[in-house]
Amino acid sequence: MKAIALLEVQAMVAAIAGLDAMVKAANVQLIHVEKRLGGRLVTVVVEGEVSAVTAALQAGAAAAAEVGNVKVCEVIARPHPEVMRFLTTG
């Protein structure tokens, strides 16, 4: 079953640390990055199987929390196609 995980952090460095931990922890792929406030608020989105994105999100949140503030962590199993369309637009 496909799922997505969203990790929103304060600061680009925390986002990079979190993303690095996520892709190393499980079989997930980065599908979207959203930067707001000049990179002070960053959201990364990965996709994969539910168990993989859950494990990746736990690892990513822990790594990001070591260097910055984690704002939101969320796993969405079987995201609606409209949600995926929103995330994959330019």
N, C-alpha and C. Protein backbone atom coordinates (compact mmCIF):
# COMPACT_ATOMS: atom_id res chain seq x y z
N MET A 1 0.85 -1.17 0.00
CA MET A 1 0.00 0.00 0.00
C MET A 1 0.90 1.24 0.00
N LYS A 2 0.64 2.15 -0.89
CA LYS A 2 1.43 3.38 -0.98
C LYS A 2 1.02 4.37 0.10
N ALA A 3 1.98 5.17 0.51
CA ALA A 3 1.73 6.19 1.52
C ALA A 3 2.72 7.32 1.30
N ILE A 4 2.41 8.47 1.91
CA ILE A 4 3.34 9.58 1.91
C ILE A 4 3.59 10.00 3.36
N ALA A 5 4.76 10.57 3.58
CA ALA A 5 5.09 11.12 4.89
C ALA A 5 5.52 12.56 4.69
N LEU A 6 5.01 13.44 5.54
CA LEU A 6 5.35 14.85 5.50
C LEU A 6 6.09 15.22 6.77
N LEU A 7 7.23 15.88 6.59
CA LEU A 7 8.03 16.35 7.71
C LEU A 7 8.25 17.84 7.50
N GLU A 8 7.68 18.64 8.40
CA GLU A 8 7.85 20.09 8.31
C GLU A 8 8.70 20.55 9.47
N VAL A 9 9.77 21.28 9.12
CA VAL A 9 10.74 21.71 10.13
C VAL A 9 11.05 23.19 9.95
N GLN A 10 11.60 23.74 11.00
CA GLN A 10 12.05 25.12 10.96
C GLN A 10 13.54 25.09 10.65
N ALA A 11 13.93 25.62 9.50
CA ALA A 11 15.32 25.77 9.05
C ALA A 11 15.69 24.70 8.03
N MET A 12 16.41 25.14 7.03
CA MET A 12 16.85 24.27 5.94
C MET A 12 17.79 23.18 6.42
N VAL A 13 18.67 23.49 7.35
CA VAL A 13 19.62 22.48 7.85
C VAL A 13 18.87 21.32 8.51
N ALA A 14 17.85 21.63 9.28
CA ALA A 14 17.06 20.57 9.91
C ALA A 14 16.34 19.73 8.86
N ALA A 15 15.88 20.37 7.79
CA ALA A 15 15.21 19.63 6.72
C ALA A 15 16.16 18.67 6.03
N ILE A 16 17.37 19.13 5.77
CA ILE A 16 18.36 18.27 5.11
C ILE A 16 18.76 17.11 6.02
N ALA A 17 18.97 17.39 7.29
CA ALA A 17 19.31 16.33 8.25
C ALA A 17 18.18 15.31 8.35
N GLY A 18 16.95 15.80 8.41
CA GLY A 18 15.79 14.91 8.49
C GLY A 18 15.63 14.08 7.24
N LEU A 19 15.77 14.70 6.08
CA LEU A 19 15.63 13.98 4.82
C LEU A 19 16.71 12.92 4.67
N ASP A 20 17.94 13.26 5.04
CA ASP A 20 19.03 12.30 4.96
C ASP A 20 18.72 11.07 5.80
N ALA A 21 18.24 11.29 7.01
CA ALA A 21 17.88 10.17 7.89
C ALA A 21 16.72 9.37 7.32
N MET A 22 15.76 10.05 6.70
CA MET A 22 14.59 9.37 6.15
C MET A 22 14.97 8.41 5.03
N VAL A 23 15.77 8.88 4.07
CA VAL A 23 16.10 8.03 2.93
C VAL A 23 17.09 6.93 3.30
N LYS A 24 17.84 7.12 4.37
CA LYS A 24 18.74 6.07 4.83
C LYS A 24 18.02 5.02 5.68
N ALA A 25 16.93 5.41 6.33
CA ALA A 25 16.25 4.51 7.26
C ALA A 25 15.33 3.51 6.57
N ALA A 26 14.80 3.87 5.40
CA ALA A 26 13.82 3.00 4.77
C ALA A 26 13.79 3.25 3.27
N ASN A 27 13.11 2.38 2.57
CA ASN A 27 12.99 2.47 1.12
C ASN A 27 11.91 3.49 0.75
N VAL A 28 12.29 4.77 0.76
CA VAL A 28 11.38 5.85 0.40
C VAL A 28 12.05 6.76 -0.62
N GLN A 29 11.24 7.50 -1.36
CA GLN A 29 11.75 8.43 -2.36
C GLN A 29 11.20 9.82 -2.08
N LEU A 30 12.05 10.81 -2.23
CA LEU A 30 11.64 12.20 -2.11
C LEU A 30 10.77 12.57 -3.30
N ILE A 31 9.59 13.15 -3.05
CA ILE A 31 8.73 13.55 -4.16
C ILE A 31 8.44 15.04 -4.17
N HIS A 32 8.66 15.74 -3.05
CA HIS A 32 8.31 17.15 -3.03
C HIS A 32 9.05 17.86 -1.89
N VAL A 33 9.45 19.10 -2.17
CA VAL A 33 10.03 19.97 -1.16
C VAL A 33 9.33 21.31 -1.28
N GLU A 34 8.89 21.84 -0.16
CA GLU A 34 8.22 23.15 -0.12
C GLU A 34 8.99 24.04 0.84
N LYS A 35 9.45 25.19 0.33
CA LYS A 35 10.20 26.13 1.18
C LYS A 35 9.38 27.40 1.33
N ARG A 36 9.22 27.84 2.56
CA ARG A 36 8.49 29.07 2.86
C ARG A 36 9.36 29.97 3.72
N LEU A 37 9.05 31.23 3.71
CA LEU A 37 9.75 32.21 4.54
C LEU A 37 11.25 32.19 4.28
N GLY A 38 11.61 32.10 3.02
CA GLY A 38 13.03 32.12 2.66
C GLY A 38 13.80 30.90 3.14
N GLY A 39 13.15 29.77 3.26
CA GLY A 39 13.81 28.55 3.72
C GLY A 39 13.78 28.36 5.22
N ARG A 40 13.12 29.27 5.92
CA ARG A 40 13.04 29.12 7.38
C ARG A 40 12.00 28.08 7.79
N LEU A 41 11.09 27.75 6.90
CA LEU A 41 10.10 26.70 7.14
C LEU A 41 10.12 25.79 5.91
N VAL A 42 10.48 24.53 6.10
CA VAL A 42 10.66 23.61 4.99
C VAL A 42 9.85 22.35 5.24
N THR A 43 9.14 21.90 4.20
CA THR A 43 8.40 20.65 4.26
C THR A 43 8.96 19.70 3.22
N VAL A 44 9.30 18.49 3.63
CA VAL A 44 9.73 17.46 2.70
C VAL A 44 8.69 16.36 2.70
N VAL A 45 8.46 15.79 1.52
CA VAL A 45 7.46 14.73 1.37
C VAL A 45 8.14 13.54 0.70
N VAL A 46 8.01 12.38 1.30
CA VAL A 46 8.54 11.15 0.73
C VAL A 46 7.39 10.17 0.51
N GLU A 47 7.61 9.22 -0.40
CA GLU A 47 6.59 8.20 -0.63
C GLU A 47 7.21 6.82 -0.59
N GLY A 48 6.36 5.84 -0.34
CA GLY A 48 6.77 4.44 -0.28
C GLY A 48 5.65 3.63 0.36
N GLU A 49 6.00 2.46 0.81
CA GLU A 49 5.02 1.63 1.52
C GLU A 49 4.76 2.22 2.91
N VAL A 50 3.61 1.92 3.47
CA VAL A 50 3.21 2.51 4.75
C VAL A 50 4.26 2.25 5.83
N SER A 51 4.71 1.04 5.94
CA SER A 51 5.70 0.73 6.98
C SER A 51 7.01 1.47 6.75
N ALA A 52 7.40 1.62 5.49
CA ALA A 52 8.65 2.32 5.17
C ALA A 52 8.55 3.81 5.48
N VAL A 53 7.44 4.45 5.08
CA VAL A 53 7.34 5.89 5.34
C VAL A 53 7.19 6.17 6.83
N THR A 54 6.56 5.26 7.55
CA THR A 54 6.43 5.43 9.00
C THR A 54 7.80 5.36 9.67
N ALA A 55 8.59 4.36 9.30
CA ALA A 55 9.93 4.23 9.86
C ALA A 55 10.80 5.42 9.45
N ALA A 56 10.69 5.83 8.20
CA ALA A 56 11.48 6.96 7.72
C ALA A 56 11.12 8.24 8.46
N LEU A 57 9.83 8.45 8.69
CA LEU A 57 9.39 9.66 9.37
C LEU A 57 9.89 9.71 10.81
N GLN A 58 9.87 8.58 11.49
CA GLN A 58 10.38 8.54 12.86
C GLN A 58 11.86 8.88 12.89
N ALA A 59 12.62 8.31 11.97
CA ALA A 59 14.06 8.59 11.91
C ALA A 59 14.32 10.04 11.51
N GLY A 60 13.56 10.54 10.55
CA GLY A 60 13.74 11.91 10.09
C GLY A 60 13.41 12.94 11.14
N ALA A 61 12.33 12.72 11.85
CA ALA A 61 11.93 13.66 12.90
C ALA A 61 12.96 13.69 14.02
N ALA A 62 13.49 12.53 14.38
CA ALA A 62 14.50 12.49 15.44
C ALA A 62 15.77 13.22 15.01
N ALA A 63 16.20 13.00 13.78
CA ALA A 63 17.42 13.66 13.29
C ALA A 63 17.21 15.17 13.16
N ALA A 64 16.06 15.58 12.65
CA ALA A 64 15.78 17.00 12.48
C ALA A 64 15.68 17.71 13.83
N ALA A 65 15.13 17.03 14.82
CA ALA A 65 14.98 17.63 16.15
C ALA A 65 16.32 17.90 16.82
N GLU A 66 17.35 17.19 16.41
CA GLU A 66 18.68 17.41 16.99
C GLU A 66 19.27 18.75 16.57
N VAL A 67 18.86 19.27 15.41
CA VAL A 67 19.46 20.50 14.89
C VAL A 67 18.46 21.64 14.68
N GLY A 68 17.18 21.36 14.88
CA GLY A 68 16.16 22.39 14.65
C GLY A 68 14.85 22.02 15.30
N ASN A 69 13.81 22.76 14.93
CA ASN A 69 12.48 22.53 15.49
C ASN A 69 11.60 21.80 14.49
N VAL A 70 11.06 20.68 14.92
CA VAL A 70 10.12 19.93 14.09
C VAL A 70 8.73 20.50 14.34
N LYS A 71 8.06 20.91 13.28
CA LYS A 71 6.73 21.50 13.40
C LYS A 71 5.62 20.48 13.22
N VAL A 72 5.72 19.65 12.17
CA VAL A 72 4.65 18.70 11.86
C VAL A 72 5.26 17.42 11.29
N CYS A 73 4.72 16.29 11.72
CA CYS A 73 5.04 14.98 11.15
C CYS A 73 3.71 14.29 10.86
N GLU A 74 3.57 13.76 9.66
CA GLU A 74 2.30 13.11 9.34
C GLU A 74 2.51 12.04 8.27
N VAL A 75 1.85 10.91 8.45
CA VAL A 75 1.81 9.84 7.44
C VAL A 75 0.40 9.79 6.89
N ILE A 76 0.29 9.74 5.57
CA ILE A 76 -1.02 9.60 4.93
C ILE A 76 -0.97 8.33 4.08
N ALA A 77 -1.73 7.33 4.51
CA ALA A 77 -1.81 6.08 3.76
C ALA A 77 -2.83 6.24 2.63
N ARG A 78 -2.52 5.64 1.51
CA ARG A 78 -3.38 5.69 0.33
C ARG A 78 -3.88 7.10 0.02
N PRO A 79 -2.98 8.05 -0.21
CA PRO A 79 -3.42 9.42 -0.48
C PRO A 79 -4.27 9.48 -1.75
N HIS A 80 -5.26 10.33 -1.72
CA HIS A 80 -6.15 10.52 -2.86
C HIS A 80 -5.34 11.03 -4.05
N PRO A 81 -5.69 10.66 -5.28
CA PRO A 81 -4.95 11.14 -6.46
C PRO A 81 -4.86 12.66 -6.56
N GLU A 82 -5.85 13.38 -6.06
CA GLU A 82 -5.79 14.84 -6.10
C GLU A 82 -4.71 15.37 -5.16
N VAL A 83 -4.49 14.70 -4.06
CA VAL A 83 -3.41 15.09 -3.15
C VAL A 83 -2.07 14.89 -3.85
N MET A 84 -1.92 13.76 -4.53
CA MET A 84 -0.68 13.49 -5.23
C MET A 84 -0.47 14.48 -6.37
N ARG A 85 -1.53 14.86 -7.04
CA ARG A 85 -1.44 15.85 -8.11
C ARG A 85 -0.96 17.18 -7.56
N PHE A 86 -1.44 17.54 -6.39
CA PHE A 86 -1.02 18.79 -5.72
C PHE A 86 0.47 18.76 -5.42
N LEU A 87 0.96 17.61 -4.98
CA LEU A 87 2.36 17.50 -4.58
C LEU A 87 3.32 17.41 -5.76
N THR A 88 2.87 16.97 -6.90
CA THR A 88 3.78 16.77 -8.03
C THR A 88 3.70 17.90 -9.05
N THR A 89 2.95 18.96 -8.78
CA THR A 89 2.91 20.08 -9.71
C THR A 89 4.17 20.92 -9.52
N GLY A 90 4.60 21.56 -10.63
CA GLY A 90 5.83 22.33 -10.67
C GLY A 90 5.97 23.32 -9.59
